Amino acid sequence: MTETTNGDRMEERILEAAKQVFIEKGYDEASMSDIAVRAGINRPALHYYFRTKEKMFHAVFGDIVRMLIPRIYDILCQRDRPIAERIANVVDIYYNEVFAQNPCLPMFVMREINRDAHHLIEMIKTLQLDQYAMRIRVFLLEEMKAGHMKNVPIHCVLFTFYGLLTVPFSIKNLASVLLTDKEQDFPQILSQWKEHIVRQMTFLLSNE
């Protein structure tokens, strides 16, 4: 086994430990010591790979955001496909790829937005992904102006989509108390909820 392979595996181990600590404690409360303990190494070894908590935060969540936003933009811009199909594909990326691998991510993001939204925005700017967010906004406005979509305020589109997308995760513990055992299969709930998201967003945006 080469030194590079060992180094890559250690970095992956550190990033996985960091992700768990960030999600459990939030950015402010997470410490380099916590991450080192979770990774099973000492702090000097941790600092060899990541000198600051900020760099580690970017490494952990930057890859997720970097993968997500451009793909959403590409899907939305496929004008030859029905709106419902595009929305379904976007939801699939969130549910089947991002949230399936990081089930606690929605709650973490909501906590961090409430704690310090500026911090997340700065990370997106640092990764130069704000351009894609702006392109998505411009695309939606152009589609509305051309009559291909209903003329809906952008904040309504944003609130409706992300509200619908994340609500199952934000009330998951409450749902586990209120629902019967037969109804508590969360993947099945998400599958049913995806259909609801598609219907609601299609009703909101489609002119057909």
C-alpha atoms as a PDB file:
ATOM      1  CA  MET A   1       0.000   0.000   0.000  1.00  0.00           C
ATOM      2  CA  THR A   2       1.482   3.367  -1.025  1.00  0.00           C
ATOM      3  CA  GLU A   3       1.954   6.382   1.206  1.00  0.00           C
ATOM      4  CA  THR A   4      -0.477   8.346  -0.998  1.00  0.00           C
ATOM      5  CA  THR A   5      -3.186   5.715  -0.539  1.00  0.00           C
ATOM      6  CA  ASN A   6      -2.683   5.752   3.228  1.00  0.00           C
ATOM      7  CA  GLY A   7      -2.873   9.538   3.219  1.00  0.00           C
ATOM      8  CA  ASP A   8      -6.057   9.547   1.134  1.00  0.00           C
ATOM      9  CA  ARG A   9      -7.710   7.044   3.450  1.00  0.00           C
ATOM     10  CA  MET A  10      -6.739   9.010   6.539  1.00  0.00           C
ATOM     11  CA  GLU A  11      -8.135  12.188   4.993  1.00  0.00           C
ATOM     12  CA  GLU A  12     -11.413  10.406   4.197  1.00  0.00           C
ATOM     13  CA  ARG A  13     -11.546   9.132   7.788  1.00  0.00           C
ATOM     14  CA  ILE A  14     -10.976  12.630   9.151  1.00  0.00           C
ATOM     15  CA  LEU A  15     -13.623  14.155   6.880  1.00  0.00           C
ATOM     16  CA  GLU A  16     -16.186  11.535   7.865  1.00  0.00           C
ATOM     17  CA  ALA A  17     -15.442  12.175  11.551  1.00  0.00           C
ATOM     18  CA  ALA A  18     -15.659  15.934  10.977  1.00  0.00           C
ATOM     19  CA  LYS A  19     -19.003  15.580   9.195  1.00  0.00           C
ATOM     20  CA  GLN A  20     -20.440  13.626  12.112  1.00  0.00           C
ATOM     21  CA  VAL A  21     -19.182  16.146  14.685  1.00  0.00           C
ATOM     22  CA  PHE A  22     -20.350  19.187  12.668  1.00  0.00           C
ATOM     23  CA  ILE A  23     -23.814  17.680  12.221  1.00  0.00           C
ATOM     24  CA  GLU A  24     -24.136  16.662  15.869  1.00  0.00           C
ATOM     25  CA  LYS A  25     -22.786  19.852  17.456  1.00  0.00           C
ATOM     26  CA  GLY A  26     -23.018  22.554  14.804  1.00  0.00           C
ATOM     27  CA  TYR A  27     -20.105  24.576  13.485  1.00  0.00           C
ATOM     28  CA  ASP A  28     -19.579  26.766  16.558  1.00  0.00           C
ATOM     29  CA  GLU A  29     -19.622  23.972  19.122  1.00  0.00           C
ATOM     30  CA  ALA A  30     -17.536  21.513  17.099  1.00  0.00           C
ATOM     31  CA  SER A  31     -13.835  21.610  17.979  1.00  0.00           C
ATOM     32  CA  MET A  32     -10.694  20.263  16.380  1.00  0.00           C
ATOM     33  CA  SER A  33     -10.199  18.146  19.502  1.00  0.00           C
ATOM     34  CA  ASP A  34     -13.664  16.600  19.085  1.00  0.00           C
ATOM     35  CA  ILE A  35     -12.881  15.747  15.478  1.00  0.00           C
ATOM     36  CA  ALA A  36      -9.480  14.291  16.336  1.00  0.00           C
ATOM     37  CA  VAL A  37     -11.009  12.056  19.007  1.00  0.00           C
ATOM     38  CA  ARG A  38     -13.766  10.903  16.642  1.00  0.00           C
ATOM     39  CA  ALA A  39     -11.167  10.117  13.946  1.00  0.00           C
ATOM     40  CA  GLY A  40      -8.981   8.262  16.468  1.00  0.00           C
ATOM     41  CA  ILE A  41      -5.918  10.471  15.986  1.00  0.00           C
ATOM     42  CA  ASN A  42      -4.173  13.242  17.913  1.00  0.00           C
ATOM     43  CA  ARG A  43      -4.452  16.959  17.154  1.00  0.00           C
ATOM     44  CA  PRO A  44      -0.994  17.328  15.545  1.00  0.00           C
ATOM     45  CA  ALA A  45      -1.931  14.566  13.090  1.00  0.00           C
ATOM     46  CA  LEU A  46      -5.243  16.307  12.392  1.00  0.00           C
ATOM     47  CA  HIS A  47      -3.496  19.639  11.744  1.00  0.00           C
ATOM     48  CA  TYR A  48      -1.185  17.913   9.278  1.00  0.00           C
ATOM     49  CA  TYR A  49      -4.202  17.395   7.027  1.00  0.00           C
ATOM     50  CA  PHE A  50      -6.349  20.414   7.955  1.00  0.00           C
ATOM     51  CA  ARG A  51      -4.914  23.474   9.649  1.00  0.00           C
ATOM     52  CA  THR A  52      -8.225  25.120  10.531  1.00  0.00           C
ATOM     53  CA  LYS A  53     -11.791  24.150  11.302  1.00  0.00           C
ATOM     54  CA  GLU A  54     -12.961  26.404   8.488  1.00  0.00           C
ATOM     55  CA  LYS A  55     -10.911  24.523   5.888  1.00  0.00           C
ATOM     56  CA  MET A  56     -12.321  21.265   7.196  1.00  0.00           C
ATOM     57  CA  PHE A  57     -15.868  22.614   7.046  1.00  0.00           C
ATOM     58  CA  HIS A  58     -15.353  23.587   3.403  1.00  0.00           C
ATOM     59  CA  ALA A  59     -13.898  20.173   2.615  1.00  0.00           C
ATOM     60  CA  VAL A  60     -16.791  18.329   4.289  1.00  0.00           C
ATOM     61  CA  PHE A  61     -19.738  20.272   2.904  1.00  0.00           C
ATOM     62  CA  GLY A  62     -18.160  21.946  -0.105  1.00  0.00           C
ATOM     63  CA  ASP A  63     -18.126  18.705  -2.072  1.00  0.00           C
ATOM     64  CA  ILE A  64     -21.842  18.202  -1.395  1.00  0.00           C
ATOM     65  CA  VAL A  65     -22.766  21.712  -2.532  1.00  0.00           C
ATOM     66  CA  ARG A  66     -20.330  21.603  -5.465  1.00  0.00           C
ATOM     67  CA  MET A  67     -21.982  18.445  -6.734  1.00  0.00           C
ATOM     68  CA  LEU A  68     -25.535  19.636  -6.096  1.00  0.00           C
ATOM     69  CA  ILE A  69     -26.036  23.137  -7.463  1.00  0.00           C
ATOM     70  CA  PRO A  70     -24.635  22.689 -11.019  1.00  0.00           C
ATOM     71  CA  ARG A  71     -26.668  19.500 -11.489  1.00  0.00           C
ATOM     72  CA  ILE A  72     -29.861  21.260 -10.400  1.00  0.00           C
ATOM     73  CA  TYR A  73     -29.174  24.046 -12.863  1.00  0.00           C
ATOM     74  CA  ASP A  74     -28.554  21.577 -15.709  1.00  0.00           C
ATOM     75  CA  ILE A  75     -31.817  19.729 -14.981  1.00  0.00           C
ATOM     76  CA  LEU A  76     -33.933  22.884 -14.735  1.00  0.00           C
ATOM     77  CA  CYS A  77     -32.598  24.170 -18.060  1.00  0.00           C
ATOM     78  CA  GLN A  78     -33.818  21.127 -20.010  1.00  0.00           C
ATOM     79  CA  ARG A  79     -36.693  23.028 -21.593  1.00  0.00           C
ATOM     80  CA  ASP A  80     -37.745  20.100 -23.781  1.00  0.00           C
ATOM     81  CA  ARG A  81     -38.803  18.122 -20.683  1.00  0.00           C
ATOM     82  CA  PRO A  82     -42.028  18.732 -18.685  1.00  0.00           C
ATOM     83  CA  ILE A  83     -41.715  20.755 -15.485  1.00  0.00           C
ATOM     84  CA  ALA A  84     -42.997  17.831 -13.416  1.00  0.00           C
ATOM     85  CA  GLU A  85     -40.231  15.573 -14.740  1.00  0.00           C
ATOM     86  CA  ARG A  86     -37.546  18.155 -14.008  1.00  0.00           C
ATOM     87  CA  ILE A  87     -38.821  18.700 -10.471  1.00  0.00           C
ATOM     88  CA  ALA A  88     -38.947  14.944  -9.858  1.00  0.00           C
ATOM     89  CA  ASN A  89     -35.340  14.602 -11.011  1.00  0.00           C
ATOM     90  CA  VAL A  90     -34.185  17.402  -8.703  1.00  0.00           C
ATOM     91  CA  VAL A  91     -35.983  15.818  -5.734  1.00  0.00           C
ATOM     92  CA  ASP A  92     -34.374  12.469  -6.608  1.00  0.00           C
ATOM     93  CA  ILE A  93     -30.920  14.023  -6.339  1.00  0.00           C
ATOM     94  CA  TYR A  94     -31.710  15.415  -2.890  1.00  0.00           C
ATOM     95  CA  TYR A  95     -33.458  12.339  -1.504  1.00  0.00           C
ATOM     96  CA  ASN A  96     -31.641   9.450  -3.219  1.00  0.00           C
ATOM     97  CA  GLU A  97     -28.124  10.854  -3.243  1.00  0.00           C
ATOM     98  CA  VAL A  98     -27.549  13.754  -0.845  1.00  0.00           C
ATOM     99  CA  PHE A  99     -29.938  13.010   2.025  1.00  0.00           C
ATOM    100  CA  ALA A 100     -29.700   9.216   1.724  1.00  0.00           C
ATOM    101  CA  GLN A 101     -25.955   9.462   2.385  1.00  0.00           C
ATOM    102  CA  ASN A 102     -26.315  12.333   4.868  1.00  0.00           C
ATOM    103  CA  PRO A 103     -29.713  11.895   6.601  1.00  0.00           C
ATOM    104  CA  CYS A 104     -28.941  14.488   9.291  1.00  0.00           C
ATOM    105  CA  LEU A 105     -27.850  17.121   6.757  1.00  0.00           C
ATOM    106  CA  PRO A 106     -31.224  18.909   6.401  1.00  0.00           C
ATOM    107  CA  MET A 107     -31.453  19.576  10.151  1.00  0.00           C
ATOM    108  CA  PHE A 108     -27.819  20.659  10.267  1.00  0.00           C
ATOM    109  CA  VAL A 109     -28.315  23.142   7.425  1.00  0.00           C
ATOM    110  CA  MET A 110     -31.467  24.565   9.039  1.00  0.00           C
ATOM    111  CA  ARG A 111     -29.647  25.010  12.359  1.00  0.00           C
ATOM    112  CA  GLU A 112     -26.687  26.668  10.654  1.00  0.00           C
ATOM    113  CA  ILE A 113     -28.950  28.999   8.670  1.00  0.00           C
ATOM    114  CA  ASN A 114     -30.584  30.115  11.908  1.00  0.00           C
ATOM    115  CA  ARG A 115     -27.207  30.384  13.641  1.00  0.00           C
ATOM    116  CA  ASP A 116     -25.244  32.181  10.924  1.00  0.00           C
ATOM    117  CA  ALA A 117     -26.607  32.173   7.384  1.00  0.00           C
ATOM    118  CA  HIS A 118     -23.780  34.498   6.345  1.00  0.00           C
ATOM    119  CA  HIS A 119     -21.254  31.741   7.062  1.00  0.00           C
ATOM    120  CA  LEU A 120     -22.951  29.331   4.637  1.00  0.00           C
ATOM    121  CA  ILE A 121     -23.332  32.044   2.006  1.00  0.00           C
ATOM    122  CA  GLU A 122     -19.636  32.894   2.268  1.00  0.00           C
ATOM    123  CA  MET A 123     -18.757  29.226   1.806  1.00  0.00           C
ATOM    124  CA  ILE A 124     -20.851  29.124  -1.365  1.00  0.00           C
ATOM    125  CA  LYS A 125     -19.107  32.278  -2.630  1.00  0.00           C
ATOM    126  CA  THR A 126     -15.690  30.867  -1.792  1.00  0.00           C
ATOM    127  CA  LEU A 127     -16.524  27.784  -3.840  1.00  0.00           C
ATOM    128  CA  GLN A 128     -17.721  30.120  -6.629  1.00  0.00           C
ATOM    129  CA  LEU A 129     -21.114  28.443  -6.656  1.00  0.00           C
ATOM    130  CA  ASP A 130     -23.124  31.628  -6.174  1.00  0.00           C
ATOM    131  CA  GLN A 131     -22.961  32.037  -9.975  1.00  0.00           C
ATOM    132  CA  TYR A 132     -25.116  28.908 -10.354  1.00  0.00           C
ATOM    133  CA  ALA A 133     -27.635  30.163  -7.810  1.00  0.00           C
ATOM    134  CA  MET A 134     -27.875  33.410  -9.783  1.00  0.00           C
ATOM    135  CA  ARG A 135     -28.225  31.487 -13.058  1.00  0.00           C
ATOM    136  CA  ILE A 136     -31.104  29.463 -11.607  1.00  0.00           C
ATOM    137  CA  ARG A 137     -32.828  32.684 -10.546  1.00  0.00           C
ATOM    138  CA  VAL A 138     -32.308  34.297 -13.970  1.00  0.00           C
ATOM    139  CA  PHE A 139     -33.516  31.149 -15.746  1.00  0.00           C
ATOM    140  CA  LEU A 140     -36.737  31.043 -13.714  1.00  0.00           C
ATOM    141  CA  LEU A 141     -37.409  34.743 -14.326  1.00  0.00           C
ATOM    142  CA  GLU A 142     -36.818  34.323 -18.072  1.00  0.00           C
ATOM    143  CA  GLU A 143     -39.152  31.321 -18.212  1.00  0.00           C
ATOM    144  CA  MET A 144     -41.844  33.289 -16.386  1.00  0.00           C
ATOM    145  CA  LYS A 145     -41.408  36.317 -18.640  1.00  0.00           C
ATOM    146  CA  ALA A 146     -41.650  34.089 -21.734  1.00  0.00           C
ATOM    147  CA  GLY A 147     -44.854  32.528 -20.417  1.00  0.00           C
ATOM    148  CA  HIS A 148     -43.368  29.068 -20.011  1.00  0.00           C
ATOM    149  CA  MET A 149     -43.964  29.198 -16.270  1.00  0.00           C
ATOM    150  CA  LYS A 150     -46.438  31.016 -14.087  1.00  0.00           C
ATOM    151  CA  ASN A 151     -45.282  34.405 -12.867  1.00  0.00           C
ATOM    152  CA  VAL A 152     -44.536  33.558  -9.230  1.00  0.00           C
ATOM    153  CA  PRO A 153     -42.281  35.554  -6.874  1.00  0.00           C
ATOM    154  CA  ILE A 154     -38.897  33.801  -6.640  1.00  0.00           C
ATOM    155  CA  HIS A 155     -39.040  33.727  -2.852  1.00  0.00           C
ATOM    156  CA  CYS A 156     -42.326  31.803  -3.083  1.00  0.00           C
ATOM    157  CA  VAL A 157     -40.666  29.225  -5.342  1.00  0.00           C
ATOM    158  CA  LEU A 158     -37.717  28.956  -2.946  1.00  0.00           C
ATOM    159  CA  PHE A 159     -39.818  28.724   0.236  1.00  0.00           C
ATOM    160  CA  THR A 160     -42.288  26.267  -1.239  1.00  0.00           C
ATOM    161  CA  PHE A 161     -39.693  23.888  -2.665  1.00  0.00           C
ATOM    162  CA  TYR A 162     -37.278  23.815   0.263  1.00  0.00           C
ATOM    163  CA  GLY A 163     -40.096  23.844   2.796  1.00  0.00           C
ATOM    164  CA  LEU A 164     -41.667  20.788   1.180  1.00  0.00           C
ATOM    165  CA  LEU A 165     -38.279  19.134   0.694  1.00  0.00           C
ATOM    166  CA  THR A 166     -37.112  19.385   4.304  1.00  0.00           C
ATOM    167  CA  VAL A 167     -40.301  19.145   6.388  1.00  0.00           C
ATOM    168  CA  PRO A 168     -40.194  15.323   6.684  1.00  0.00           C
ATOM    169  CA  PHE A 169     -36.764  15.601   8.293  1.00  0.00           C
ATOM    170  CA  SER A 170     -37.663  18.518  10.569  1.00  0.00           C
ATOM    171  CA  ILE A 171     -40.637  16.669  12.110  1.00  0.00           C
ATOM    172  CA  LYS A 172     -39.341  13.115  11.782  1.00  0.00           C
ATOM    173  CA  ASN A 173     -39.224  12.544  15.559  1.00  0.00           C
ATOM    174  CA  LEU A 174     -42.734  13.924  16.004  1.00  0.00           C
ATOM    175  CA  ALA A 175     -44.006  11.788  13.139  1.00  0.00           C
ATOM    176  CA  SER A 176     -42.544   8.680  14.754  1.00  0.00           C
ATOM    177  CA  VAL A 177     -44.822   9.334  17.754  1.00  0.00           C
ATOM    178  CA  LEU A 178     -47.974  10.260  15.835  1.00  0.00           C
ATOM    179  CA  LEU A 179     -47.842   7.612  13.103  1.00  0.00           C
ATOM    180  CA  THR A 180     -48.615   3.941  13.567  1.00  0.00           C
ATOM    181  CA  ASP A 181     -45.852   1.332  13.292  1.00  0.00           C
ATOM    182  CA  LYS A 182     -47.102   0.413   9.823  1.00  0.00           C
ATOM    183  CA  GLU A 183     -46.788   4.026   8.702  1.00  0.00           C
ATOM    184  CA  GLN A 184     -43.298   4.654  10.073  1.00  0.00           C
ATOM    185  CA  ASP A 185     -41.205   3.304   7.185  1.00  0.00           C
ATOM    186  CA  PHE A 186     -39.352   6.543   6.450  1.00  0.00           C
ATOM    187  CA  PRO A 187     -38.118   5.669   2.920  1.00  0.00           C
ATOM    188  CA  GLN A 188     -41.715   4.838   1.967  1.00  0.00           C
ATOM    189  CA  ILE A 189     -42.911   8.099   3.489  1.00  0.00           C
ATOM    190  CA  LEU A 190     -40.306  10.016   1.466  1.00  0.00           C
ATOM    191  CA  SER A 191     -41.362   8.230  -1.724  1.00  0.00           C
ATOM    192  CA  GLN A 192     -44.974   9.260  -1.165  1.00  0.00           C
ATOM    193  CA  TRP A 193     -43.930  12.765  -0.147  1.00  0.00           C
ATOM    194  CA  LYS A 194     -41.848  13.176  -3.311  1.00  0.00           C
ATOM    195  CA  GLU A 195     -45.010  12.719  -5.372  1.00  0.00           C
ATOM    196  CA  HIS A 196     -46.664  15.442  -3.283  1.00  0.00           C
ATOM    197  CA  ILE A 197     -43.720  17.815  -3.840  1.00  0.00           C
ATOM    198  CA  VAL A 198     -43.898  17.270  -7.588  1.00  0.00           C
ATOM    199  CA  ARG A 199     -47.664  17.918  -7.644  1.00  0.00           C
ATOM    200  CA  GLN A 200     -47.384  21.094  -5.560  1.00  0.00           C
ATOM    201  CA  MET A 201     -44.435  22.544  -7.478  1.00  0.00           C
ATOM    202  CA  THR A 202     -46.011  21.675 -10.829  1.00  0.00           C
ATOM    203  CA  PHE A 203     -49.239  23.404  -9.774  1.00  0.00           C
ATOM    204  CA  LEU A 204     -47.185  26.409  -8.629  1.00  0.00           C
ATOM    205  CA  LEU A 205     -45.140  26.781 -11.826  1.00  0.00           C
ATOM    206  CA  SER A 206     -46.797  25.051 -14.767  1.00  0.00           C
ATOM    207  CA  ASN A 207     -48.862  26.980 -17.287  1.00  0.00           C
ATOM    208  CA  GLU A 208     -50.161  23.786 -18.867  1.00  0.00           C
END
